[in-house]
Amino acid sequence: MSRVLLIRHGETHGYFDDVGLTEHGEAQARTKADGLAAELPAGAHVAMVHAPTSRATATARTLREVLAARRGDLVLSALRPDARFDSLQFLHDGAARESTGVAAARLRLSTNGVPTPDWAR
């Protein structure tokens, strides 16, 4: 069985330039890695695909370093930047939209008056 985890980058210095993480953002990445280290099963294979931005690369690098130090039994892939994760977009009504646009549209969706909770829909 496979699990897919999408992990957002840690706190960044901003979004207007390709800047890295703040000290707090690095701490957030370490905390997330500690949690993953505690929950991943022995021998798990962990793919490290991430957006090619500085903030995503720094988060992935910290996650990998902490997991490697805490769990020698994991099979960790090399970091693999992938532009498809840059400003992650979703298909909604047949059109690619940024996640904020999809979230706004999703909030308007309902079935018989009950909001649809499935963000991936």
PDB file of N, CA and C in Angstrom:
ATOM      1  N   MET A   1       0.834  -1.165   0.000  1.00  0.00           N
ATOM      2  CA  MET A   1       0.000   0.000   0.000  1.00  0.00           C
ATOM      3  C   MET A   1       0.891   1.243   0.000  1.00  0.00           C
ATOM      4  N   SER A   2       0.484   2.246  -0.731  1.00  0.00           N
ATOM      5  CA  SER A   2       1.233   3.504  -0.786  1.00  0.00           C
ATOM      6  C   SER A   2       0.431   4.621  -0.130  1.00  0.00           C
ATOM      7  N   ARG A   3       1.158   5.555   0.425  1.00  0.00           N
ATOM      8  CA  ARG A   3       0.560   6.784   0.958  1.00  0.00           C
ATOM      9  C   ARG A   3       1.207   7.947   0.241  1.00  0.00           C
ATOM     10  N   VAL A   4       0.435   8.948  -0.053  1.00  0.00           N
ATOM     11  CA  VAL A   4       0.956  10.176  -0.645  1.00  0.00           C
ATOM     12  C   VAL A   4       0.719  11.291   0.353  1.00  0.00           C
ATOM     13  N   LEU A   5       1.785  11.962   0.734  1.00  0.00           N
ATOM     14  CA  LEU A   5       1.682  13.103   1.637  1.00  0.00           C
ATOM     15  C   LEU A   5       2.130  14.350   0.894  1.00  0.00           C
ATOM     16  N   LEU A   6       1.293  15.338   0.851  1.00  0.00           N
ATOM     17  CA  LEU A   6       1.677  16.638   0.309  1.00  0.00           C
ATOM     18  C   LEU A   6       1.984  17.521   1.501  1.00  0.00           C
ATOM     19  N   ILE A   7       3.208  17.990   1.565  1.00  0.00           N
ATOM     20  CA  ILE A   7       3.645  18.790   2.699  1.00  0.00           C
ATOM     21  C   ILE A   7       3.991  20.183   2.194  1.00  0.00           C
ATOM     22  N   ARG A   8       3.348  21.154   2.734  1.00  0.00           N
ATOM     23  CA  ARG A   8       3.628  22.532   2.342  1.00  0.00           C
ATOM     24  C   ARG A   8       4.956  22.967   2.961  1.00  0.00           C
ATOM     25  N   HIS A   9       5.645  23.835   2.266  1.00  0.00           N
ATOM     26  CA  HIS A   9       6.931  24.332   2.757  1.00  0.00           C
ATOM     27  C   HIS A   9       6.762  25.086   4.068  1.00  0.00           C
ATOM     28  N   GLY A  10       7.858  25.231   4.776  1.00  0.00           N
ATOM     29  CA  GLY A  10       7.856  26.002   6.011  1.00  0.00           C
ATOM     30  C   GLY A  10       7.708  27.491   5.727  1.00  0.00           C
ATOM     31  N   GLU A  11       7.595  28.251   6.809  1.00  0.00           N
ATOM     32  CA  GLU A  11       7.450  29.707   6.666  1.00  0.00           C
ATOM     33  C   GLU A  11       8.593  30.264   5.833  1.00  0.00           C
ATOM     34  N   THR A  12       8.237  31.129   4.893  1.00  0.00           N
ATOM     35  CA  THR A  12       9.217  31.696   3.974  1.00  0.00           C
ATOM     36  C   THR A  12       9.371  33.198   4.202  1.00  0.00           C
ATOM     37  N   HIS A  13      10.429  33.738   3.644  1.00  0.00           N
ATOM     38  CA  HIS A  13      10.662  35.188   3.736  1.00  0.00           C
ATOM     39  C   HIS A  13       9.703  35.970   2.844  1.00  0.00           C
ATOM     40  N   GLY A  14       9.037  35.321   1.927  1.00  0.00           N
ATOM     41  CA  GLY A  14       8.080  36.001   1.053  1.00  0.00           C
ATOM     42  C   GLY A  14       7.834  35.224  -0.222  1.00  0.00           C
ATOM     43  N   TYR A  15       6.869  35.698  -0.990  1.00  0.00           N
ATOM     44  CA  TYR A  15       6.477  35.019  -2.225  1.00  0.00           C
ATOM     45  C   TYR A  15       6.795  35.828  -3.481  1.00  0.00           C
ATOM     46  N   PHE A  16       7.327  37.003  -3.329  1.00  0.00           N
ATOM     47  CA  PHE A  16       7.566  37.838  -4.499  1.00  0.00           C
ATOM     48  C   PHE A  16       8.880  37.506  -5.182  1.00  0.00           C
ATOM     49  N   ASP A  17       9.785  36.910  -4.478  1.00  0.00           N
ATOM     50  CA  ASP A  17      11.053  36.437  -5.038  1.00  0.00           C
ATOM     51  C   ASP A  17      11.224  34.993  -4.604  1.00  0.00           C
ATOM     52  N   ASP A  18      12.163  34.301  -5.224  1.00  0.00           N
ATOM     53  CA  ASP A  18      12.422  32.915  -4.848  1.00  0.00           C
ATOM     54  C   ASP A  18      13.382  32.919  -3.665  1.00  0.00           C
ATOM     55  N   VAL A  19      12.803  33.077  -2.489  1.00  0.00           N
ATOM     56  CA  VAL A  19      13.602  33.170  -1.260  1.00  0.00           C
ATOM     57  C   VAL A  19      13.390  31.922  -0.422  1.00  0.00           C
ATOM     58  N   GLY A  20      14.287  31.696   0.496  1.00  0.00           N
ATOM     59  CA  GLY A  20      14.251  30.502   1.319  1.00  0.00           C
ATOM     60  C   GLY A  20      13.366  30.630   2.535  1.00  0.00           C
ATOM     61  N   LEU A  21      13.638  29.776   3.496  1.00  0.00           N
ATOM     62  CA  LEU A  21      12.842  29.714   4.717  1.00  0.00           C
ATOM     63  C   LEU A  21      13.390  30.636   5.796  1.00  0.00           C
ATOM     64  N   THR A  22      12.499  31.065   6.665  1.00  0.00           N
ATOM     65  CA  THR A  22      12.918  31.778   7.864  1.00  0.00           C
ATOM     66  C   THR A  22      13.437  30.732   8.857  1.00  0.00           C
ATOM     67  N   GLU A  23      14.006  31.181   9.965  1.00  0.00           N
ATOM     68  CA  GLU A  23      14.417  30.237  11.014  1.00  0.00           C
ATOM     69  C   GLU A  23      13.208  29.449  11.517  1.00  0.00           C
ATOM     70  N   HIS A  24      12.091  30.126  11.627  1.00  0.00           N
ATOM     71  CA  HIS A  24      10.864  29.454  12.059  1.00  0.00           C
ATOM     72  C   HIS A  24      10.449  28.391  11.028  1.00  0.00           C
ATOM     73  N   GLY A  25      10.595  28.708   9.735  1.00  0.00           N
ATOM     74  CA  GLY A  25      10.268  27.753   8.683  1.00  0.00           C
ATOM     75  C   GLY A  25      11.145  26.513   8.734  1.00  0.00           C
ATOM     76  N   GLU A  26      12.429  26.698   9.037  1.00  0.00           N
ATOM     77  CA  GLU A  26      13.339  25.555   9.200  1.00  0.00           C
ATOM     78  C   GLU A  26      12.905  24.708  10.398  1.00  0.00           C
ATOM     79  N   ALA A  27      12.512  25.374  11.480  1.00  0.00           N
ATOM     80  CA  ALA A  27      12.048  24.647  12.663  1.00  0.00           C
ATOM     81  C   ALA A  27      10.762  23.879  12.349  1.00  0.00           C
ATOM     82  N   GLN A  28       9.878  24.477  11.548  1.00  0.00           N
ATOM     83  CA  GLN A  28       8.656  23.785  11.153  1.00  0.00           C
ATOM     84  C   GLN A  28       8.991  22.516  10.359  1.00  0.00           C
ATOM     85  N   ALA A  29       9.953  22.610   9.453  1.00  0.00           N
ATOM     86  CA  ALA A  29      10.346  21.443   8.657  1.00  0.00           C
ATOM     87  C   ALA A  29      10.938  20.355   9.548  1.00  0.00           C
ATOM     88  N   ARG A  30      11.763  20.747  10.523  1.00  0.00           N
ATOM     89  CA  ARG A  30      12.335  19.761  11.450  1.00  0.00           C
ATOM     90  C   ARG A  30      11.245  19.092  12.288  1.00  0.00           C
ATOM     91  N   THR A  31      10.287  19.878  12.751  1.00  0.00           N
ATOM     92  CA  THR A  31       9.189  19.331  13.546  1.00  0.00           C
ATOM     93  C   THR A  31       8.368  18.349  12.714  1.00  0.00           C
ATOM     94  N   LYS A  32       8.090  18.700  11.465  1.00  0.00           N
ATOM     95  CA  LYS A  32       7.344  17.796  10.590  1.00  0.00           C
ATOM     96  C   LYS A  32       8.130  16.507  10.368  1.00  0.00           C
ATOM     97  N   ALA A  33       9.427  16.608  10.151  1.00  0.00           N
ATOM     98  CA  ALA A  33      10.262  15.423   9.941  1.00  0.00           C
ATOM     99  C   ALA A  33      10.280  14.546  11.187  1.00  0.00           C
ATOM    100  N   ASP A  34      10.311  15.149  12.372  1.00  0.00           N
ATOM    101  CA  ASP A  34      10.261  14.371  13.611  1.00  0.00           C
ATOM    102  C   ASP A  34       8.966  13.562  13.677  1.00  0.00           C
ATOM    103  N   GLY A  35       7.867  14.190  13.308  1.00  0.00           N
ATOM    104  CA  GLY A  35       6.588  13.496  13.302  1.00  0.00           C
ATOM    105  C   GLY A  35       6.562  12.352  12.302  1.00  0.00           C
ATOM    106  N   LEU A  36       7.098  12.603  11.115  1.00  0.00           N
ATOM    107  CA  LEU A  36       7.163  11.549  10.100  1.00  0.00           C
ATOM    108  C   LEU A  36       8.057  10.404  10.565  1.00  0.00           C
ATOM    109  N   ALA A  37       9.170  10.731  11.184  1.00  0.00           N
ATOM    110  CA  ALA A  37      10.095   9.705  11.667  1.00  0.00           C
ATOM    111  C   ALA A  37       9.406   8.790  12.670  1.00  0.00           C
ATOM    112  N   ALA A  38       8.499   9.339  13.444  1.00  0.00           N
ATOM    113  CA  ALA A  38       7.796   8.543  14.447  1.00  0.00           C
ATOM    114  C   ALA A  38       6.694   7.674  13.845  1.00  0.00           C
ATOM    115  N   GLU A  39       6.163   8.072  12.696  1.00  0.00           N
ATOM    116  CA  GLU A  39       5.000   7.342  12.171  1.00  0.00           C
ATOM    117  C   GLU A  39       5.282   6.443  10.973  1.00  0.00           C
ATOM    118  N   LEU A  40       6.383   6.646  10.269  1.00  0.00           N
ATOM    119  CA  LEU A  40       6.646   5.828   9.082  1.00  0.00           C
ATOM    120  C   LEU A  40       7.009   4.398   9.474  1.00  0.00           C
ATOM    121  N   PRO A  41       6.497   3.427   8.727  1.00  0.00           N
ATOM    122  CA  PRO A  41       6.812   2.034   9.058  1.00  0.00           C
ATOM    123  C   PRO A  41       8.255   1.691   8.694  1.00  0.00           C
ATOM    124  N   ALA A  42       8.802   0.690   9.353  1.00  0.00           N
ATOM    125  CA  ALA A  42      10.167   0.238   9.078  1.00  0.00           C
ATOM    126  C   ALA A  42      10.302  -0.128   7.605  1.00  0.00           C
ATOM    127  N   GLY A  43      11.413   0.300   7.002  1.00  0.00           N
ATOM    128  CA  GLY A  43      11.703  -0.033   5.616  1.00  0.00           C
ATOM    129  C   GLY A  43      10.925   0.757   4.587  1.00  0.00           C
ATOM    130  N   ALA A  44      10.170   1.773   5.019  1.00  0.00           N
ATOM    131  CA  ALA A  44       9.361   2.558   4.080  1.00  0.00           C
ATOM    132  C   ALA A  44      10.252   3.219   3.035  1.00  0.00           C
ATOM    133  N   HIS A  45       9.757   3.245   1.808  1.00  0.00           N
ATOM    134  CA  HIS A  45      10.418   3.959   0.724  1.00  0.00           C
ATOM    135  C   HIS A  45       9.803   5.354   0.661  1.00  0.00           C
ATOM    136  N   VAL A  46      10.640   6.367   0.721  1.00  0.00           N
ATOM    137  CA  VAL A  46      10.158   7.749   0.760  1.00  0.00           C
ATOM    138  C   VAL A  46      10.689   8.496  -0.451  1.00  0.00           C
ATOM    139  N   ALA A  47       9.774   8.886  -1.338  1.00  0.00           N
ATOM    140  CA  ALA A  47      10.138   9.692  -2.506  1.00  0.00           C
ATOM    141  C   ALA A  47      10.165  11.155  -2.077  1.00  0.00           C
ATOM    142  N   MET A  48      11.153  11.876  -2.539  1.00  0.00           N
ATOM    143  CA  MET A  48      11.313  13.266  -2.124  1.00  0.00           C
ATOM    144  C   MET A  48      11.156  14.197  -3.329  1.00  0.00           C
ATOM    145  N   VAL A  49       9.943  14.260  -3.865  1.00  0.00           N
ATOM    146  CA  VAL A  49       9.627  15.117  -5.009  1.00  0.00           C
ATOM    147  C   VAL A  49       9.139  16.453  -4.466  1.00  0.00           C
ATOM    148  N   HIS A  50       9.616  17.538  -5.029  1.00  0.00           N
ATOM    149  CA  HIS A  50       9.254  18.860  -4.501  1.00  0.00           C
ATOM    150  C   HIS A  50       9.300  19.909  -5.601  1.00  0.00           C
ATOM    151  N   ALA A  51       8.661  21.031  -5.348  1.00  0.00           N
ATOM    152  CA  ALA A  51       8.727  22.164  -6.266  1.00  0.00           C
ATOM    153  C   ALA A  51      10.175  22.650  -6.346  1.00  0.00           C
ATOM    154  N   PRO A  52      10.569  23.238  -7.471  1.00  0.00           N
ATOM    155  CA  PRO A  52      11.950  23.686  -7.620  1.00  0.00           C
ATOM    156  C   PRO A  52      12.252  25.042  -6.972  1.00  0.00           C
ATOM    157  N   THR A  53      11.369  25.539  -6.148  1.00  0.00           N
ATOM    158  CA  THR A  53      11.607  26.823  -5.482  1.00  0.00           C
ATOM    159  C   THR A  53      12.580  26.651  -4.323  1.00  0.00           C
ATOM    160  N   SER A  54      13.197  27.731  -3.912  1.00  0.00           N
ATOM    161  CA  SER A  54      14.127  27.687  -2.783  1.00  0.00           C
ATOM    162  C   SER A  54      13.438  27.229  -1.513  1.00  0.00           C
ATOM    163  N   ARG A  55      12.228  27.725  -1.249  1.00  0.00           N
ATOM    164  CA  ARG A  55      11.516  27.366  -0.022  1.00  0.00           C
ATOM    165  C   ARG A  55      11.140  25.886   0.007  1.00  0.00           C
ATOM    166  N   ALA A  56      10.693  25.346  -1.131  1.00  0.00           N
ATOM    167  CA  ALA A  56      10.330  23.923  -1.189  1.00  0.00           C
ATOM    168  C   ALA A  56      11.580  23.043  -1.119  1.00  0.00           C
ATOM    169  N   THR A  57      12.650  23.466  -1.777  1.00  0.00           N
ATOM    170  CA  THR A  57      13.898  22.704  -1.749  1.00  0.00           C
ATOM    171  C   THR A  57      14.464  22.671  -0.331  1.00  0.00           C
ATOM    172  N   ALA A  58      14.446  23.815   0.350  1.00  0.00           N
ATOM    173  CA  ALA A  58      14.960  23.864   1.722  1.00  0.00           C
ATOM    174  C   ALA A  58      14.125  22.982   2.646  1.00  0.00           C
ATOM    175  N   THR A  59      12.818  22.987   2.465  1.00  0.00           N
ATOM    176  CA  THR A  59      11.949  22.141   3.291  1.00  0.00           C
ATOM    177  C   THR A  59      12.240  20.669   3.030  1.00  0.00           C
ATOM    178  N   ALA A  60      12.317  20.286   1.762  1.00  0.00           N
ATOM    179  CA  ALA A  60      12.594  18.885   1.404  1.00  0.00           C
ATOM    180  C   ALA A  60      13.968  18.450   1.924  1.00  0.00           C
ATOM    181  N   ARG A  61      14.955  19.322   1.801  1.00  0.00           N
ATOM    182  CA  ARG A  61      16.307  18.992   2.269  1.00  0.00           C
ATOM    183  C   ARG A  61      16.309  18.750   3.782  1.00  0.00           C
ATOM    184  N   THR A  62      15.626  19.612   4.522  1.00  0.00           N
ATOM    185  CA  THR A  62      15.561  19.449   5.971  1.00  0.00           C
ATOM    186  C   THR A  62      14.804  18.174   6.331  1.00  0.00           C
ATOM    187  N   LEU A  63      13.676  17.922   5.672  1.00  0.00           N
ATOM    188  CA  LEU A  63      12.931  16.686   5.929  1.00  0.00           C
ATOM    189  C   LEU A  63      13.825  15.467   5.713  1.00  0.00           C
ATOM    190  N   ARG A  64      14.543  15.454   4.606  1.00  0.00           N
ATOM    191  CA  ARG A  64      15.391  14.304   4.268  1.00  0.00           C
ATOM    192  C   ARG A  64      16.522  14.133   5.288  1.00  0.00           C
ATOM    193  N   GLU A  65      17.181  15.236   5.639  1.00  0.00           N
ATOM    194  CA  GLU A  65      18.295  15.167   6.589  1.00  0.00           C
ATOM    195  C   GLU A  65      17.838  14.630   7.947  1.00  0.00           C
ATOM    196  N   VAL A  66      16.708  15.106   8.434  1.00  0.00           N
ATOM    197  CA  VAL A  66      16.217  14.665   9.738  1.00  0.00           C
ATOM    198  C   VAL A  66      15.780  13.203   9.669  1.00  0.00           C
ATOM    199  N   LEU A  67      15.062  12.830   8.613  1.00  0.00           N
ATOM    200  CA  LEU A  67      14.643  11.435   8.479  1.00  0.00           C
ATOM    201  C   LEU A  67      15.848  10.506   8.406  1.00  0.00           C
ATOM    202  N   ALA A  68      16.877  10.894   7.664  1.00  0.00           N
ATOM    203  CA  ALA A  68      18.083  10.062   7.549  1.00  0.00           C
ATOM    204  C   ALA A  68      18.778   9.919   8.895  1.00  0.00           C
ATOM    205  N   ALA A  69      18.825  10.989   9.668  1.00  0.00           N
ATOM    206  CA  ALA A  69      19.492  10.951  10.975  1.00  0.00           C
ATOM    207  C   ALA A  69      18.698  10.146  12.002  1.00  0.00           C
ATOM    208  N   ARG A  70      17.379  10.231  11.930  1.00  0.00           N
ATOM    209  CA  ARG A  70      16.536   9.571  12.936  1.00  0.00           C
ATOM    210  C   ARG A  70      16.183   8.140  12.592  1.00  0.00           C
ATOM    211  N   ARG A  71      16.112   7.828  11.282  1.00  0.00           N
ATOM    212  CA  ARG A  71      15.618   6.521  10.873  1.00  0.00           C
ATOM    213  C   ARG A  71      16.499   5.919   9.782  1.00  0.00           C
ATOM    214  N   GLY A  72      17.494   5.173  10.184  1.00  0.00           N
ATOM    215  CA  GLY A  72      18.388   4.524   9.235  1.00  0.00           C
ATOM    216  C   GLY A  72      17.740   3.396   8.455  1.00  0.00           C
ATOM    217  N   ASP A  73      16.546   2.984   8.874  1.00  0.00           N
ATOM    218  CA  ASP A  73      15.867   1.875   8.196  1.00  0.00           C
ATOM    219  C   ASP A  73      14.996   2.332   7.027  1.00  0.00           C
ATOM    220  N   LEU A  74      14.861   3.632   6.791  1.00  0.00           N
ATOM    221  CA  LEU A  74      14.056   4.129   5.683  1.00  0.00           C
ATOM    222  C   LEU A  74      14.859   4.131   4.393  1.00  0.00           C
ATOM    223  N   VAL A  75      14.166   3.966   3.280  1.00  0.00           N
ATOM    224  CA  VAL A  75      14.794   4.069   1.958  1.00  0.00           C
ATOM    225  C   VAL A  75      14.387   5.437   1.411  1.00  0.00           C
ATOM    226  N   LEU A  76      15.326   6.383   1.467  1.00  0.00           N
ATOM    227  CA  LEU A  76      15.042   7.761   1.066  1.00  0.00           C
ATOM    228  C   LEU A  76      15.568   8.018  -0.337  1.00  0.00           C
ATOM    229  N   SER A  77      14.697   8.524  -1.212  1.00  0.00           N
ATOM    230  CA  SER A  77      15.151   8.877  -2.555  1.00  0.00           C
ATOM    231  C   SER A  77      15.977  10.156  -2.483  1.00  0.00           C
ATOM    232  N   ALA A  78      16.685  10.425  -3.557  1.00  0.00           N
ATOM    233  CA  ALA A  78      17.355  11.714  -3.683  1.00  0.00           C
ATOM    234  C   ALA A  78      16.280  12.791  -3.820  1.00  0.00           C
ATOM    235  N   LEU A  79      16.632  14.019  -3.524  1.00  0.00           N
ATOM    236  CA  LEU A  79      15.689  15.115  -3.750  1.00  0.00           C
ATOM    237  C   LEU A  79      15.442  15.219  -5.244  1.00  0.00           C
ATOM    238  N   ARG A  80      14.184  15.394  -5.603  1.00  0.00           N
ATOM    239  CA  ARG A  80      13.842  15.443  -7.018  1.00  0.00           C
ATOM    240  C   ARG A  80      12.919  16.623  -7.290  1.00  0.00           C
ATOM    241  N   PRO A  81      13.493  17.760  -7.714  1.00  0.00           N
ATOM    242  CA  PRO A  81      12.637  18.906  -8.042  1.00  0.00           C
ATOM    243  C   PRO A  81      11.785  18.592  -9.272  1.00  0.00           C
ATOM    244  N   ASP A  82      10.540  19.029  -9.236  1.00  0.00           N
ATOM    245  CA  ASP A  82       9.609  18.774 -10.327  1.00  0.00           C
ATOM    246  C   ASP A  82       8.739  20.010 -10.505  1.00  0.00           C
ATOM    247  N   ALA A  83       8.841  20.628 -11.654  1.00  0.00           N
ATOM    248  CA  ALA A  83       8.119  21.875 -11.910  1.00  0.00           C
ATOM    249  C   ALA A  83       6.605  21.714 -11.805  1.00  0.00           C
ATOM    250  N   ARG A  84       6.105  20.492 -11.911  1.00  0.00           N
ATOM    251  CA  ARG A  84       4.650  20.298 -11.783  1.00  0.00           C
ATOM    252  C   ARG A  84       4.157  20.593 -10.378  1.00  0.00           C
ATOM    253  N   PHE A  85       5.066  20.684  -9.394  1.00  0.00           N
ATOM    254  CA  PHE A  85       4.677  21.024  -8.035  1.00  0.00           C
ATOM    255  C   PHE A  85       4.854  22.511  -7.755  1.00  0.00           C
ATOM    256  N   ASP A  86       5.342  23.263  -8.712  1.00  0.00           N
ATOM    257  CA  ASP A  86       5.544  24.701  -8.537  1.00  0.00           C
ATOM    258  C   ASP A  86       4.196  25.399  -8.643  1.00  0.00           C
ATOM    259  N   SER A  87       3.815  26.134  -7.624  1.00  0.00           N
ATOM    260  CA  SER A  87       2.503  26.782  -7.581  1.00  0.00           C
ATOM    261  C   SER A  87       1.441  25.763  -7.952  1.00  0.00           C
ATOM    262  N   LEU A  88       1.351  24.731  -7.150  1.00  0.00           N
ATOM    263  CA  LEU A  88       0.478  23.598  -7.409  1.00  0.00           C
ATOM    264  C   LEU A  88      -0.900  24.055  -7.850  1.00  0.00           C
ATOM    265  N   GLN A  89      -1.335  23.498  -8.955  1.00  0.00           N
ATOM    266  CA  GLN A  89      -2.649  23.823  -9.487  1.00  0.00           C
ATOM    267  C   GLN A  89      -3.496  22.559  -9.549  1.00  0.00           C
ATOM    268  N   PHE A  90      -4.791  22.757  -9.637  1.00  0.00           N
ATOM    269  CA  PHE A  90      -5.744  21.665  -9.707  1.00  0.00           C
ATOM    270  C   PHE A  90      -6.648  21.876 -10.908  1.00  0.00           C
ATOM    271  N   LEU A  91      -7.183  20.791 -11.450  1.00  0.00           N
ATOM    272  CA  LEU A  91      -8.197  20.892 -12.487  1.00  0.00           C
ATOM    273  C   LEU A  91      -9.555  21.043 -11.813  1.00  0.00           C
ATOM    274  N   HIS A  92     -10.301  22.028 -12.262  1.00  0.00           N
ATOM    275  CA  HIS A  92     -11.635  22.253 -11.720  1.00  0.00           C
ATOM    276  C   HIS A  92     -12.511  22.677 -12.885  1.00  0.00           C
ATOM    277  N   ASP A  93     -13.600  21.936 -13.117  1.00  0.00           N
ATOM    278  CA  ASP A  93     -14.472  22.210 -14.265  1.00  0.00           C
ATOM    279  C   ASP A  93     -13.669  22.239 -15.559  1.00  0.00           C
ATOM    280  N   GLY A  94     -12.671  21.366 -15.661  1.00  0.00           N
ATOM    281  CA  GLY A  94     -11.897  21.232 -16.887  1.00  0.00           C
ATOM    282  C   GLY A  94     -10.813  22.270 -17.089  1.00  0.00           C
ATOM    283  N   ALA A  95     -10.630  23.168 -16.148  1.00  0.00           N
ATOM    284  CA  ALA A  95      -9.615  24.219 -16.296  1.00  0.00           C
ATOM    285  C   ALA A  95      -8.641  24.155 -15.124  1.00  0.00           C
ATOM    286  N   ALA A  96      -7.361  24.440 -15.414  1.00  0.00           N
ATOM    287  CA  ALA A  96      -6.351  24.492 -14.355  1.00  0.00           C
ATOM    288  C   ALA A  96      -6.537  25.790 -13.584  1.00  0.00           C
ATOM    289  N   ARG A  97      -6.577  25.648 -12.276  1.00  0.00           N
ATOM    290  CA  ARG A  97      -6.729  26.823 -11.422  1.00  0.00           C
ATOM    291  C   ARG A  97      -5.785  26.693 -10.254  1.00  0.00           C
ATOM    292  N   GLU A  98      -5.356  27.814  -9.737  1.00  0.00           N
ATOM    293  CA  GLU A  98      -4.529  27.774  -8.538  1.00  0.00           C
ATOM    294  C   GLU A  98      -5.382  27.314  -7.367  1.00  0.00           C
ATOM    295  N   SER A  99      -4.708  26.768  -6.362  1.00  0.00           N
ATOM    296  CA  SER A  99      -5.431  26.157  -5.250  1.00  0.00           C
ATOM    297  C   SER A  99      -6.383  27.132  -4.567  1.00  0.00           C
ATOM    298  N   THR A 100      -6.036  28.411  -4.499  1.00  0.00           N
ATOM    299  CA  THR A 100      -6.927  29.351  -3.831  1.00  0.00           C
ATOM    300  C   THR A 100      -8.228  29.512  -4.609  1.00  0.00           C
ATOM    301  N   GLY A 101      -8.141  29.507  -5.933  1.00  0.00           N
ATOM    302  CA  GLY A 101      -9.350  29.592  -6.757  1.00  0.00           C
ATOM    303  C   GLY A 101     -10.205  28.361  -6.621  1.00  0.00           C
ATOM    304  N   VAL A 102      -9.583  27.207  -6.571  1.00  0.00           N
ATOM    305  CA  VAL A 102     -10.326  25.964  -6.400  1.00  0.00           C
ATOM    306  C   VAL A 102     -10.990  25.937  -5.035  1.00  0.00           C
ATOM    307  N   ALA A 103     -10.267  26.380  -4.013  1.00  0.00           N
ATOM    308  CA  ALA A 103     -10.841  26.387  -2.671  1.00  0.00           C
ATOM    309  C   ALA A 103     -12.076  27.278  -2.630  1.00  0.00           C
ATOM    310  N   ALA A 104     -12.010  28.424  -3.265  1.00  0.00           N
ATOM    311  CA  ALA A 104     -13.165  29.324  -3.274  1.00  0.00           C
ATOM    312  C   ALA A 104     -14.337  28.669  -4.001  1.00  0.00           C
ATOM    313  N   ALA A 105     -14.070  28.008  -5.134  1.00  0.00           N
ATOM    314  CA  ALA A 105     -15.136  27.329  -5.870  1.00  0.00           C
ATOM    315  C   ALA A 105     -15.693  26.172  -5.050  1.00  0.00           C
ATOM    316  N   ARG A 106     -14.826  25.429  -4.383  1.00  0.00           N
ATOM    317  CA  ARG A 106     -15.258  24.281  -3.586  1.00  0.00           C
ATOM    318  C   ARG A 106     -16.200  24.712  -2.471  1.00  0.00           C
ATOM    319  N   LEU A 107     -15.921  25.861  -1.895  1.00  0.00           N
ATOM    320  CA  LEU A 107     -16.779  26.327  -0.805  1.00  0.00           C
ATOM    321  C   LEU A 107     -18.202  26.594  -1.290  1.00  0.00           C
ATOM    322  N   ARG A 108     -18.355  26.849  -2.587  1.00  0.00           N
ATOM    323  CA  ARG A 108     -19.682  27.092  -3.140  1.00  0.00           C
ATOM    324  C   ARG A 108     -20.376  25.786  -3.546  1.00  0.00           C
ATOM    325  N   LEU A 109     -19.621  24.667  -3.623  1.00  0.00           N
ATOM    326  CA  LEU A 109     -20.203  23.389  -4.017  1.00  0.00           C
ATOM    327  C   LEU A 109     -21.018  22.806  -2.876  1.00  0.00           C
ATOM    328  N   SER A 110     -22.113  22.149  -3.239  1.00  0.00           N
ATOM    329  CA  SER A 110     -22.877  21.425  -2.223  1.00  0.00           C
ATOM    330  C   SER A 110     -23.691  20.335  -2.907  1.00  0.00           C
ATOM    331  N   THR A 111     -24.056  19.354  -2.136  1.00  0.00           N
ATOM    332  CA  THR A 111     -24.925  18.285  -2.595  1.00  0.00           C
ATOM    333  C   THR A 111     -26.127  18.278  -1.668  1.00  0.00           C
ATOM    334  N   ASN A 112     -27.285  18.588  -2.216  1.00  0.00           N
ATOM    335  CA  ASN A 112     -28.514  18.660  -1.402  1.00  0.00           C
ATOM    336  C   ASN A 112     -28.314  19.567  -0.192  1.00  0.00           C
ATOM    337  N   GLY A 113     -27.610  20.661  -0.393  1.00  0.00           N
ATOM    338  CA  GLY A 113     -27.391  21.630   0.685  1.00  0.00           C
ATOM    339  C   GLY A 113     -26.277  21.298   1.638  1.00  0.00           C
ATOM    340  N   VAL A 114     -25.636  20.111   1.473  1.00  0.00           N
ATOM    341  CA  VAL A 114     -24.538  19.717   2.349  1.00  0.00           C
ATOM    342  C   VAL A 114     -23.222  19.997   1.624  1.00  0.00           C
ATOM    343  N   PRO A 115     -22.341  20.830   2.167  1.00  0.00           N
ATOM    344  CA  PRO A 115     -21.068  21.130   1.502  1.00  0.00           C
ATOM    345  C   PRO A 115     -20.253  19.863   1.217  1.00  0.00           C
ATOM    346  N   THR A 116     -19.646  19.822   0.063  1.00  0.00           N
ATOM    347  CA  THR A 116     -18.816  18.686  -0.321  1.00  0.00           C
ATOM    348  C   THR A 116     -17.471  18.815   0.375  1.00  0.00           C
ATOM    349  N   PRO A 117     -17.075  17.866   1.228  1.00  0.00           N
ATOM    350  CA  PRO A 117     -15.841  17.990   1.989  1.00  0.00           C
ATOM    351  C   PRO A 117     -14.590  17.532   1.246  1.00  0.00           C
ATOM    352  N   ASP A 118     -14.723  16.901   0.101  1.00  0.00           N
ATOM    353  CA  ASP A 118     -13.579  16.297  -0.581  1.00  0.00           C
ATOM    354  C   ASP A 118     -12.815  17.368  -1.371  1.00  0.00           C
ATOM    355  N   TRP A 119     -11.691  17.832  -0.818  1.00  0.00           N
ATOM    356  CA  TRP A 119     -10.922  18.899  -1.469  1.00  0.00           C
ATOM    357  C   TRP A 119     -10.421  18.468  -2.842  1.00  0.00           C
ATOM    358  N   ALA A 120     -10.221  17.205  -3.073  1.00  0.00           N
ATOM    359  CA  ALA A 120      -9.676  16.746  -4.345  1.00  0.00           C
ATOM    360  C   ALA A 120     -10.722  16.668  -5.445  1.00  0.00           C
ATOM    361  N   ARG A 121     -11.986  16.774  -5.081  1.00  0.00           N
ATOM    362  CA  ARG A 121     -13.038  16.722  -6.077  1.00  0.00           C
ATOM    363  C   ARG A 121     -12.924  17.915  -6.991  1.00  0.00           C
TER     364      ARG A 121
END
